[in-house]
Amino acid sequence: MVIDACHEERADQRPRLPVRRAFTLGVAGLLTAAGVLTLAGTASAASTLGGAAAAKGRYFGAAVAANHLGEGQYAATLDTEFNAVTPENEMKWDSVESSRNSFNFGAADQIVSHAQGKSMKIRGHTLVWHSQLPGWVGGLGATDLRSAMNNHITKVMQHYQGKIYAWDVVNEAFQDGGSGARRSSPFQDKLGDGFIEEAFRTARAADPNAKLCYNDYNTDGQNAKSNAVYAMVKDFKARGVPIDCVGFQSHFNSQSPVPGDYQQNLQRFADLGVDVQITELDIEGSGSAQADSYRRVTQACLAVSRCTGITVWGIPDKYSWRASGTPLLFDDNYGKKPAYDAVLAALGGSGGGDGGGGGGRSCTVSYAETQRWGDRFNGQVTVRAGSSAISGWTVTVTLRSAQTVSATWNGSPSWDSSGKVMTMKPNGNGNLGAGASTSFGFTVMANGDWSAPTIGSCTAS
């Protein structure tokens, strides 16, 4: 199936969902302080996607939307799990230069500042693309268009000089289908085939130290489109046109699965002397089938020495451009899916916050406040099995000093001597298949403290 290239545009058009109270917890748990979710303790490098990738000499990134950074668990998951970011829409032409030579970098700066504060790599996306162009660009004649294109590249890259690891200089310039032809766009139609080379030469002059990438979709296996991109890159390398990397978007589903020659295709581009990057990965599906596809993609990157990193196109499913296909590594409540376990294992990670348990068994937990009254609130903890079935689970719930629990359900609780740490075990709901979930709940008498309890790690058996 041909994947729609305009997914980034549609991402902006999806209605904004209300910020949820739900949040997922890893091995150390999450604590709330002054309304900000932070990790308690320091996670082992090999227990997160970014840490495990770094141990392999690579990055593992996520596409980020500035308007979600204020959501505590979104930011906490980003900061914990990833070591690279790509702005979803905030660096595109219509966002930064809606009027000619008038630039607004506010939203993009927010993402860059956040990423720099966490020592993350930043991919710039994207400088020249046929979509999400302000109307004035398409109305220019050839001479003005060339000037506007070069000015846009120069001004944007110079604004972020020294901060961006790699730029998608030109995005999606080739047609789908069997022709291998260039896509119609203002740049192609008015400037001809040479516009891509000119864009790359302008980009090199603007920031000599940034990696310069060409990025496209439906090029993951060897086909007419990927062959055309390959021929262009080969020609550029032969003639000294500055190109450092090729991005493969890698949007997959059951109709367009991971191609059998995926690794070989990455390798043939790398053999031209460029880095390859998986730039917008998402795979529709669920359970073991989705997990296996994610594992294969991760293993392919690891097998190609010049595959420098992987970026998934979003964090939780609910914010994906194709949310109904549940294509990401975290569910709507930031629970780690079997696909997450598969990726972490492929990267050589230790299992992250999935909790203990023998024989590879693991589980994750997420918490949500479900109801609130004048003096109390209900909390619900969802327990989800990892990539293997489990026969039991154990979760701790630690109350604030003033709080007490007045009722529980769907679990068998026990308490420590302080009466503040509740250990919950199953009550007939311990057997979970791979990726399956159950939940238990409790009522907290707030006594003036409405903070969420601290949920410990899930231990599987």
Protein backbone atom coordinates (compact mmCIF):
# COMPACT_ATOMS: atom_id res chain seq x y z
CA MET A 1 0.00 0.00 0.00
CA VAL A 2 1.21 3.50 -0.74
CA ILE A 3 1.66 5.46 2.44
CA ASP A 4 0.29 8.99 2.40
CA ALA A 5 3.24 11.37 2.42
CA CYS A 6 1.31 14.16 4.10
CA HIS A 7 1.06 12.57 7.51
CA GLU A 8 2.84 15.45 9.20
CA GLU A 9 0.26 17.87 7.90
CA ARG A 10 -2.59 15.75 9.18
CA ALA A 11 -0.93 15.51 12.56
CA ASP A 12 -1.62 19.19 13.08
CA GLN A 13 -5.24 18.80 12.00
CA ARG A 14 -6.13 16.14 14.56
CA PRO A 15 -8.20 17.57 17.43
CA ARG A 16 -6.20 18.11 20.55
CA LEU A 17 -7.04 15.60 23.23
CA PRO A 18 -7.39 16.64 26.86
CA VAL A 19 -4.34 16.14 28.99
CA ARG A 20 -4.86 12.94 30.94
CA ARG A 21 -3.92 12.21 34.51
CA ALA A 22 -2.67 8.77 33.52
CA PHE A 23 1.03 8.02 33.74
CA THR A 24 3.22 4.93 33.42
CA LEU A 25 5.91 4.01 35.88
CA GLY A 26 9.24 2.27 35.48
CA VAL A 27 11.42 0.37 37.89
CA ALA A 28 11.98 3.28 40.26
CA GLY A 29 8.48 4.71 40.00
CA LEU A 30 7.50 8.29 39.36
CA LEU A 31 7.14 10.92 42.04
CA THR A 32 5.08 14.08 41.80
CA ALA A 33 6.60 17.25 43.15
CA ALA A 34 5.28 20.75 42.53
CA GLY A 35 3.11 19.29 39.79
CA VAL A 36 6.06 17.99 37.79
CA LEU A 37 6.63 14.29 37.17
CA THR A 38 10.22 13.22 37.72
CA LEU A 39 12.03 9.92 37.91
CA ALA A 40 13.08 8.71 41.32
CA GLY A 41 16.67 7.58 41.08
CA THR A 42 18.81 7.07 38.02
CA ALA A 43 17.88 4.42 35.48
CA SER A 44 20.52 2.04 34.23
CA ALA A 45 21.72 3.09 30.77
CA ALA A 46 20.80 -0.30 29.36
CA SER A 47 17.23 -0.14 30.68
CA THR A 48 15.99 2.59 28.33
CA LEU A 49 15.75 2.82 24.56
CA GLY A 50 18.15 5.75 24.33
CA GLY A 51 20.61 4.24 26.79
CA ALA A 52 20.64 0.86 25.08
CA ALA A 53 21.04 2.48 21.66
CA ALA A 54 23.88 4.66 22.93
CA ALA A 55 25.66 1.53 24.12
CA LYS A 56 25.51 0.39 20.49
CA GLY A 57 26.85 3.73 19.22
CA ARG A 58 23.48 4.93 18.00
CA TYR A 59 20.62 7.22 19.00
CA PHE A 60 16.98 6.31 19.57
CA GLY A 61 14.74 9.31 19.09
CA ALA A 62 11.11 10.39 18.95
CA ALA A 63 9.18 12.96 16.96
CA VAL A 64 8.03 15.62 19.39
CA ALA A 65 5.21 18.18 19.35
CA ALA A 66 5.85 21.36 21.30
CA ASN A 67 2.25 21.58 22.49
CA HIS A 68 2.60 18.25 24.35
CA LEU A 69 5.76 19.13 26.27
CA GLY A 70 3.65 20.61 29.07
CA GLU A 71 2.06 17.20 29.71
CA GLY A 72 4.00 15.68 32.57
CA GLN A 73 4.09 12.07 31.46
CA TYR A 74 4.82 12.99 27.83
CA ALA A 75 7.89 14.94 28.92
CA ALA A 76 8.88 12.31 31.49
CA THR A 77 8.72 9.49 28.94
CA LEU A 78 10.62 11.55 26.37
CA ASP A 79 13.32 12.47 28.87
CA THR A 80 13.67 8.95 30.25
CA GLU A 81 13.52 6.81 27.12
CA PHE A 82 14.95 8.84 24.23
CA ASN A 83 18.24 10.53 23.42
CA ALA A 84 17.21 12.33 20.22
CA VAL A 85 14.26 14.39 19.01
CA THR A 86 12.75 15.49 15.71
CA PRO A 87 10.19 18.32 15.71
CA GLU A 88 7.00 17.02 14.09
CA ASN A 89 5.86 20.24 12.43
CA GLU A 90 7.55 23.13 14.17
CA MET A 91 10.49 23.54 11.73
CA LYS A 92 8.48 23.22 8.53
CA TRP A 93 8.24 26.17 6.19
CA ASP A 94 4.70 27.22 7.07
CA SER A 95 5.61 27.20 10.77
CA VAL A 96 8.79 29.27 10.64
CA GLU A 97 8.30 31.52 7.58
CA SER A 98 4.59 31.98 6.93
CA SER A 99 5.32 35.41 5.43
CA ARG A 100 8.30 35.97 3.18
CA ASN A 101 11.50 36.67 5.10
CA SER A 102 9.58 36.97 8.39
CA PHE A 103 10.66 34.16 10.69
CA ASN A 104 9.04 32.80 13.85
CA PHE A 105 11.07 30.15 15.66
CA GLY A 106 9.12 30.12 18.94
CA ALA A 107 7.68 26.59 18.92
CA ALA A 108 10.79 25.06 17.35
CA ASP A 109 13.00 26.85 19.88
CA GLN A 110 10.93 25.30 22.68
CA ILE A 111 11.74 21.80 21.44
CA VAL A 112 15.40 22.61 20.82
CA SER A 113 15.80 24.12 24.27
CA HIS A 114 14.17 21.10 25.92
CA ALA A 115 16.35 18.68 23.97
CA GLN A 116 19.54 20.60 24.69
CA GLY A 117 18.70 20.59 28.39
CA LYS A 118 18.64 16.79 28.25
CA SER A 119 21.75 16.47 26.00
CA MET A 120 19.68 14.97 23.19
CA LYS A 121 20.60 14.98 19.51
CA ILE A 122 18.25 17.08 17.37
CA ARG A 123 17.23 16.29 13.80
CA GLY A 124 16.01 19.27 11.80
CA HIS A 125 12.86 18.48 9.78
CA THR A 126 12.51 19.77 7.09
CA LEU A 127 13.87 22.60 4.89
CA VAL A 128 12.51 21.97 1.37
CA TRP A 129 9.28 20.00 0.95
CA HIS A 130 6.31 20.20 -1.37
CA SER A 131 3.82 20.11 1.52
CA GLN A 132 3.07 22.51 4.36
CA LEU A 133 4.26 25.41 2.24
CA PRO A 134 2.72 28.85 2.79
CA GLY A 135 0.76 30.01 -0.22
CA TRP A 136 3.17 32.76 -1.17
CA VAL A 137 5.90 30.24 -2.08
CA GLY A 138 3.92 28.59 -4.85
CA GLY A 139 3.06 31.96 -6.37
CA LEU A 140 6.68 32.97 -7.00
CA GLY A 141 8.36 32.94 -10.38
CA ALA A 142 11.50 30.86 -10.90
CA THR A 143 14.01 33.58 -10.02
CA ASP A 144 12.18 34.64 -6.87
CA LEU A 145 11.57 31.03 -5.88
CA ARG A 146 15.26 30.17 -6.10
CA SER A 147 16.10 33.20 -3.98
CA ALA A 148 13.38 32.36 -1.44
CA MET A 149 14.46 28.72 -1.18
CA ASN A 150 18.10 29.57 -0.59
CA ASN A 151 17.20 32.33 1.85
CA HIS A 152 14.93 29.98 3.81
CA ILE A 153 17.58 27.28 4.06
CA THR A 154 20.25 29.78 5.09
CA LYS A 155 18.22 31.69 7.68
CA VAL A 156 16.78 28.59 9.36
CA MET A 157 20.08 26.71 9.46
CA GLN A 158 22.02 29.69 10.71
CA HIS A 159 19.46 30.24 13.48
CA TYR A 160 20.15 26.72 14.73
CA GLN A 161 23.82 26.50 13.77
CA GLY A 162 25.72 24.26 16.15
CA LYS A 163 22.51 22.84 17.66
CA ILE A 164 21.20 20.51 14.93
CA TYR A 165 22.87 17.12 14.43
CA ALA A 166 21.32 16.42 11.01
CA TRP A 167 18.91 18.20 8.66
CA ASP A 168 16.37 16.72 6.28
CA VAL A 169 17.40 19.20 3.61
CA VAL A 170 14.99 17.92 0.95
CA ASN A 171 11.98 15.74 1.76
CA GLU A 172 9.91 13.43 -0.47
CA ALA A 173 10.99 14.70 -3.88
CA PHE A 174 10.23 11.47 -5.81
CA GLN A 175 6.95 10.01 -7.04
CA ASP A 176 5.46 6.74 -5.92
CA GLY A 177 4.87 3.98 -8.44
CA GLY A 178 7.10 2.50 -11.05
CA SER A 179 8.37 5.60 -12.84
CA GLY A 180 11.13 6.72 -10.50
CA ALA A 181 10.29 10.26 -11.60
CA ARG A 182 10.46 13.44 -9.57
CA ARG A 183 7.32 14.63 -7.79
CA SER A 184 5.57 17.73 -9.08
CA SER A 185 6.18 20.66 -6.72
CA PRO A 186 6.86 24.39 -7.04
CA PHE A 187 10.58 23.62 -6.79
CA GLN A 188 10.61 20.80 -9.32
CA ASP A 189 8.23 22.48 -11.74
CA LYS A 190 9.96 25.86 -11.77
CA LEU A 191 13.61 25.08 -10.94
CA GLY A 192 13.95 21.62 -12.48
CA ASP A 193 16.00 18.63 -11.33
CA GLY A 194 18.83 20.84 -10.13
CA PHE A 195 16.91 22.22 -7.16
CA ILE A 196 17.93 19.33 -4.88
CA GLU A 197 21.63 19.78 -5.58
CA GLU A 198 21.31 23.53 -5.09
CA ALA A 199 19.52 23.03 -1.79
CA PHE A 200 22.29 20.76 -0.49
CA ARG A 201 25.06 23.12 -1.58
CA THR A 202 23.26 26.04 0.09
CA ALA A 203 22.80 23.98 3.24
CA ARG A 204 26.50 23.10 3.43
CA ALA A 205 27.42 26.78 3.20
CA ALA A 206 24.89 27.70 5.89
CA ASP A 207 26.12 25.17 8.48
CA PRO A 208 29.25 23.22 7.45
CA ASN A 209 29.08 20.95 10.50
CA ALA A 210 25.51 19.64 10.28
CA LYS A 211 24.79 16.32 8.59
CA LEU A 212 22.80 16.87 5.40
CA CYS A 213 20.14 14.23 4.63
CA TYR A 214 17.67 13.35 1.92
CA ASN A 215 14.47 11.86 3.44
CA ASP A 216 11.64 9.87 1.82
CA TYR A 217 8.97 7.19 2.34
CA ASN A 218 8.21 3.94 0.46
CA THR A 219 11.94 3.57 -0.18
CA ASP A 220 12.48 0.89 2.49
CA GLY A 221 12.99 -1.95 0.01
CA GLN A 222 14.49 -2.01 -3.47
CA ASN A 223 11.90 -0.61 -5.89
CA ALA A 224 11.64 2.03 -8.60
CA LYS A 225 11.44 4.87 -6.11
CA SER A 226 14.35 3.74 -3.94
CA ASN A 227 16.37 3.01 -7.09
CA ALA A 228 15.82 6.59 -8.24
CA VAL A 229 16.95 7.97 -4.88
CA TYR A 230 19.93 5.61 -4.95
CA ALA A 231 20.94 6.85 -8.40
CA MET A 232 20.72 10.47 -7.23
CA VAL A 233 22.85 9.82 -4.14
CA LYS A 234 25.41 7.90 -6.18
CA ASP A 235 25.62 10.78 -8.64
CA PHE A 236 25.94 13.34 -5.83
CA LYS A 237 28.78 11.40 -4.20
CA ALA A 238 30.58 11.03 -7.53
CA ARG A 239 30.37 14.76 -8.27
CA GLY A 240 31.10 16.03 -4.77
CA VAL A 241 27.61 17.33 -4.02
CA PRO A 242 27.46 17.54 -0.20
CA ILE A 243 25.16 14.78 1.09
CA ASP A 244 25.90 12.92 4.31
CA CYS A 245 22.87 10.76 5.01
CA VAL A 246 19.66 9.25 3.68
CA GLY A 247 16.53 8.97 5.81
CA PHE A 248 14.05 6.10 5.51
CA GLN A 249 10.67 6.98 6.99
CA SER A 250 9.60 3.33 7.46
CA HIS A 251 5.83 3.60 7.97
CA PHE A 252 4.55 0.02 7.97
CA ASN A 253 1.27 -1.88 8.34
CA SER A 254 -0.14 -5.25 7.32
CA GLN A 255 -0.61 -4.11 3.71
CA SER A 256 2.84 -2.54 3.58
CA PRO A 257 5.01 -4.69 5.88
CA VAL A 258 8.71 -4.51 6.58
CA PRO A 259 10.23 -5.62 3.24
CA GLY A 260 12.31 -8.75 3.16
CA ASP A 261 15.28 -6.83 1.75
CA TYR A 262 15.07 -3.98 4.26
CA GLN A 263 18.54 -4.53 5.72
CA GLN A 264 20.07 -5.08 2.28
CA ASN A 265 18.52 -1.87 1.03
CA LEU A 266 19.94 0.13 3.94
CA GLN A 267 23.31 -1.46 3.31
CA ARG A 268 23.45 -0.60 -0.39
CA PHE A 269 22.91 3.08 0.43
CA ALA A 270 25.51 2.92 3.18
CA ASP A 271 27.93 1.41 0.67
CA LEU A 272 27.70 4.66 -1.31
CA GLY A 273 29.45 6.41 1.59
CA VAL A 274 26.48 7.96 3.38
CA ASP A 275 24.96 7.33 6.79
CA VAL A 276 21.47 5.86 6.85
CA GLN A 277 18.86 6.74 9.45
CA ILE A 278 15.39 5.39 10.18
CA THR A 279 13.61 8.69 10.56
CA GLU A 280 9.85 8.26 11.09
CA LEU A 281 9.28 4.69 12.22
CA ASP A 282 5.80 3.48 13.13
CA ILE A 283 4.23 0.07 12.60
CA GLU A 284 0.49 -0.45 12.85
CA GLY A 285 -0.72 -3.49 14.79
CA SER A 286 -0.43 -4.96 18.27
CA GLY A 287 0.97 -7.81 20.29
CA SER A 288 3.61 -10.21 19.04
CA ALA A 289 3.20 -9.43 15.33
CA GLN A 290 3.88 -5.73 15.86
CA ALA A 291 6.70 -6.55 18.27
CA ASP A 292 8.34 -8.84 15.71
CA SER A 293 8.25 -6.14 13.03
CA TYR A 294 9.82 -3.59 15.37
CA ARG A 295 12.47 -6.13 16.32
CA ARG A 296 13.34 -6.76 12.67
CA VAL A 297 13.71 -3.05 11.93
CA THR A 298 15.94 -2.54 14.98
CA GLN A 299 18.10 -5.53 14.12
CA ALA A 300 18.47 -4.29 10.54
CA CYS A 301 19.80 -0.94 11.73
CA LEU A 302 22.21 -2.63 14.12
CA ALA A 303 23.48 -4.88 11.31
CA VAL A 304 24.42 -1.88 9.13
CA SER A 305 27.39 -0.09 10.65
CA ARG A 306 26.45 3.24 9.06
CA CYS A 307 22.87 3.14 10.38
CA THR A 308 23.34 5.83 13.00
CA GLY A 309 19.94 5.85 14.66
CA ILE A 310 16.21 5.24 14.77
CA THR A 311 13.42 7.77 15.36
CA VAL A 312 9.84 6.70 16.08
CA TRP A 313 7.17 9.10 14.85
CA GLY A 314 5.61 9.92 18.19
CA ILE A 315 5.54 8.64 21.77
CA PRO A 316 2.07 7.38 22.85
CA ASP A 317 -0.41 5.92 20.37
CA LYS A 318 -3.01 8.58 21.16
CA TYR A 319 -0.88 11.31 19.56
CA SER A 320 0.10 9.34 16.47
CA TRP A 321 -0.96 10.62 13.02
CA ARG A 322 -2.63 7.21 12.63
CA ALA A 323 -3.70 6.61 16.21
CA SER A 324 -6.39 4.07 15.27
CA GLY A 325 -3.63 1.72 14.11
CA THR A 326 -1.85 1.86 17.52
CA PRO A 327 1.55 2.05 15.76
CA LEU A 328 3.91 3.22 18.50
CA LEU A 329 5.85 1.72 21.41
CA PHE A 330 3.70 3.21 24.20
CA ASP A 331 -0.05 2.87 24.60
CA ASP A 332 -2.43 5.75 25.29
CA ASN A 333 -1.51 5.71 28.99
CA TYR A 334 2.25 5.48 28.28
CA GLY A 335 2.32 1.78 29.09
CA LYS A 336 5.20 -0.07 27.42
CA LYS A 337 3.86 -2.39 24.75
CA PRO A 338 5.33 -5.75 23.66
CA ALA A 339 6.89 -3.81 20.78
CA TYR A 340 8.84 -1.76 23.33
CA ASP A 341 10.14 -4.94 24.96
CA ALA A 342 11.17 -6.28 21.55
CA VAL A 343 13.08 -3.13 20.61
CA LEU A 344 14.84 -2.89 23.96
CA ALA A 345 15.83 -6.56 23.78
CA ALA A 346 17.09 -6.14 20.22
CA LEU A 347 19.22 -3.21 21.40
CA GLY A 348 20.68 -5.39 24.14
CA GLY A 349 18.81 -3.66 26.94
CA SER A 350 18.09 -5.23 30.29
CA GLY A 351 14.33 -4.85 30.37
CA GLY A 352 14.05 -1.31 31.69
CA GLY A 353 11.19 -0.67 34.06
CA ASP A 354 9.31 -3.83 33.22
CA GLY A 355 9.94 -5.37 36.59
CA GLY A 356 11.42 -8.64 37.67
CA GLY A 357 10.35 -12.18 37.04
CA GLY A 358 11.98 -15.31 35.82
CA GLY A 359 12.09 -16.79 32.37
CA GLY A 360 11.88 -13.44 30.59
CA ARG A 361 8.49 -12.63 32.16
CA SER A 362 7.84 -8.94 32.70
CA CYS A 363 5.04 -6.47 33.31
CA THR A 364 4.45 -2.73 33.36
CA VAL A 365 2.06 -0.57 35.35
CA SER A 366 0.22 2.66 34.66
CA TYR A 367 -1.86 4.77 37.02
CA ALA A 368 -4.91 6.99 36.54
CA GLU A 369 -7.12 8.92 38.93
CA THR A 370 -10.63 7.92 37.87
CA GLN A 371 -12.93 9.84 40.25
CA ARG A 372 -12.72 12.60 42.84
CA TRP A 373 -15.04 13.78 45.57
CA GLY A 374 -14.74 16.44 48.27
CA ASP A 375 -12.64 14.30 50.61
CA ARG A 376 -11.34 11.34 48.55
CA PHE A 377 -10.41 10.04 45.13
CA ASN A 378 -10.28 6.72 43.32
CA GLY A 379 -7.08 5.46 41.74
CA GLN A 380 -6.72 2.68 39.19
CA VAL A 381 -3.54 0.77 38.37
CA THR A 382 -3.38 -1.10 35.06
CA VAL A 383 -1.02 -4.08 34.95
CA ARG A 384 0.13 -5.20 31.51
CA ALA A 385 2.17 -8.29 30.68
CA GLY A 386 5.26 -7.90 28.51
CA SER A 387 6.12 -10.02 25.50
CA SER A 388 5.54 -13.30 27.43
CA ALA A 389 2.55 -14.57 29.38
CA ILE A 390 2.65 -14.23 33.17
CA SER A 391 0.90 -16.14 35.97
CA GLY A 392 1.10 -13.49 38.65
CA TRP A 393 2.15 -9.94 39.48
CA THR A 394 3.01 -7.76 42.48
CA VAL A 395 2.76 -3.95 42.66
CA THR A 396 3.40 -1.56 45.55
CA VAL A 397 1.42 1.62 46.23
CA THR A 398 2.96 4.18 48.61
CA LEU A 399 0.63 6.80 50.10
CA ARG A 400 1.48 10.31 51.16
CA SER A 401 1.84 10.84 54.90
CA ALA A 402 -1.66 12.22 55.41
CA GLN A 403 -3.45 9.78 53.13
CA THR A 404 -5.22 6.54 53.96
CA VAL A 405 -6.88 3.86 51.82
CA SER A 406 -10.53 3.19 52.69
CA ALA A 407 -11.33 0.52 50.06
CA THR A 408 -9.69 -1.68 47.43
CA TRP A 409 -10.97 -3.93 44.63
CA ASN A 410 -9.70 -6.47 42.07
CA GLY A 411 -6.64 -7.27 44.17
CA SER A 412 -5.40 -8.74 47.47
CA PRO A 413 -3.62 -6.06 49.54
CA SER A 414 -1.15 -6.32 52.41
CA TRP A 415 0.46 -3.48 54.35
CA ASP A 416 3.82 -2.68 55.88
CA SER A 417 4.17 -1.61 59.50
CA SER A 418 3.76 2.08 58.67
CA GLY A 419 0.41 1.51 57.05
CA LYS A 420 1.54 3.66 54.11
CA VAL A 421 2.91 1.02 51.71
CA MET A 422 0.34 -1.31 50.21
CA THR A 423 1.53 -4.40 48.32
CA MET A 424 -1.12 -5.56 45.86
CA LYS A 425 -1.29 -9.07 44.42
CA PRO A 426 -3.90 -10.64 42.11
CA ASN A 427 -7.34 -11.70 43.25
CA GLY A 428 -8.14 -14.16 40.50
CA ASN A 429 -6.66 -11.90 37.79
CA GLY A 430 -3.02 -12.96 37.80
CA ASN A 431 -2.87 -14.95 34.56
CA LEU A 432 -2.21 -12.60 31.64
CA GLY A 433 -1.28 -13.46 28.08
CA ALA A 434 1.51 -11.59 26.31
CA GLY A 435 0.48 -7.94 26.04
CA ALA A 436 -2.77 -8.51 28.00
CA SER A 437 -3.78 -6.31 30.92
CA THR A 438 -5.86 -6.20 34.07
CA SER A 439 -6.40 -3.53 36.72
CA PHE A 440 -7.00 -3.00 40.41
CA GLY A 441 -8.32 0.04 42.23
CA PHE A 442 -8.48 1.78 45.58
CA THR A 443 -10.07 4.76 47.31
CA VAL A 444 -7.71 7.26 48.94
CA MET A 445 -8.91 9.54 51.73
CA ALA A 446 -6.95 12.66 50.85
CA ASN A 447 -6.91 14.39 54.26
CA GLY A 448 -5.75 17.54 52.47
CA ASP A 449 -3.13 15.91 50.24
CA TRP A 450 -4.38 15.29 46.71
CA SER A 451 -1.04 14.10 45.33
CA ALA A 452 -0.98 10.87 43.40
CA PRO A 453 0.40 7.93 45.34
CA THR A 454 3.74 6.55 44.22
CA ILE A 455 3.33 3.32 42.25
CA GLY A 456 6.28 0.97 42.40
CA SER A 457 7.56 -1.37 39.74
CA CYS A 458 5.60 -4.42 38.62
CA THR A 459 7.16 -7.77 39.45
CA ALA A 460 5.96 -10.64 37.25
CA SER A 461 5.88 -14.33 38.06
